[in-house]
Each structure stands twice: as C-alpha cells, then as structure tokens.
C-alpha cells in the first residue's frame, strides 16, 4: 500500500487482496491489482498529491460547476441538488454531463426537471 493512504484505504486494499486470493483472481498479481484499484479511488477522491494540486490549481474537469465535487457524486446525489439550481446552472450541468460521463439516467432526470 502506498505511503500516505488513509486507514480506510488500507482496509479496502487488504479486503481486495483477500477477495482476490479467495476467488483465485489475478493469481500472483493480487497485491498489484488491489493497489491500482485503491490508488485510482484515491485519485478520484482527491486523496493524492497530484489530485490535490489539480484542485488547487483549478485544473479539475468539474471546476466551475454549480455543484461542488460533481464528479464524485452519484446520480441520486446530483438529482437531489437540482432543485436548488437555476435553469442556467441546470443547463451547465447537462452540458458537462453530456461531454464527460454521459449518464443517460441523469440526463433524463435533468430533462424531466427542465420540462
């Protein structure tokens, strides 16, 4: 496990390694694959130095959206925040979603609210 990982991430890493051993997946590479998965999660949640630097230098793709940390939210979490937004902000969210993740269920929810 990389230095600087939180106890939560270390626990996730150990669980993944155990699961891979039990399921006989990634034989001989269990620790490597688990570390890659956990490191990807750390980067997505701005838990790495590089991700924090991107946020600090305003280089995150979701920078400037009316919903903070948009890329880390689920569809349900985003939908629950739509009622507090103006029509212009909702259009901004829809455009961003279409250009990036393009989750059909979220776009449908946005369209339903706009109608």
Foldseek 3Di string as FASTA:
>chain_A
DDPQDDPVLVVQLVVQLVVCVVVVHPVPCSNVVSVVVSVVVCLLVVSDPVSVVCVVVVNDLCRPQPDPSVSVDDLVVVLVCVVVDDPVSLVVVLVSCCVPVVDVVSNVSSVVVVD
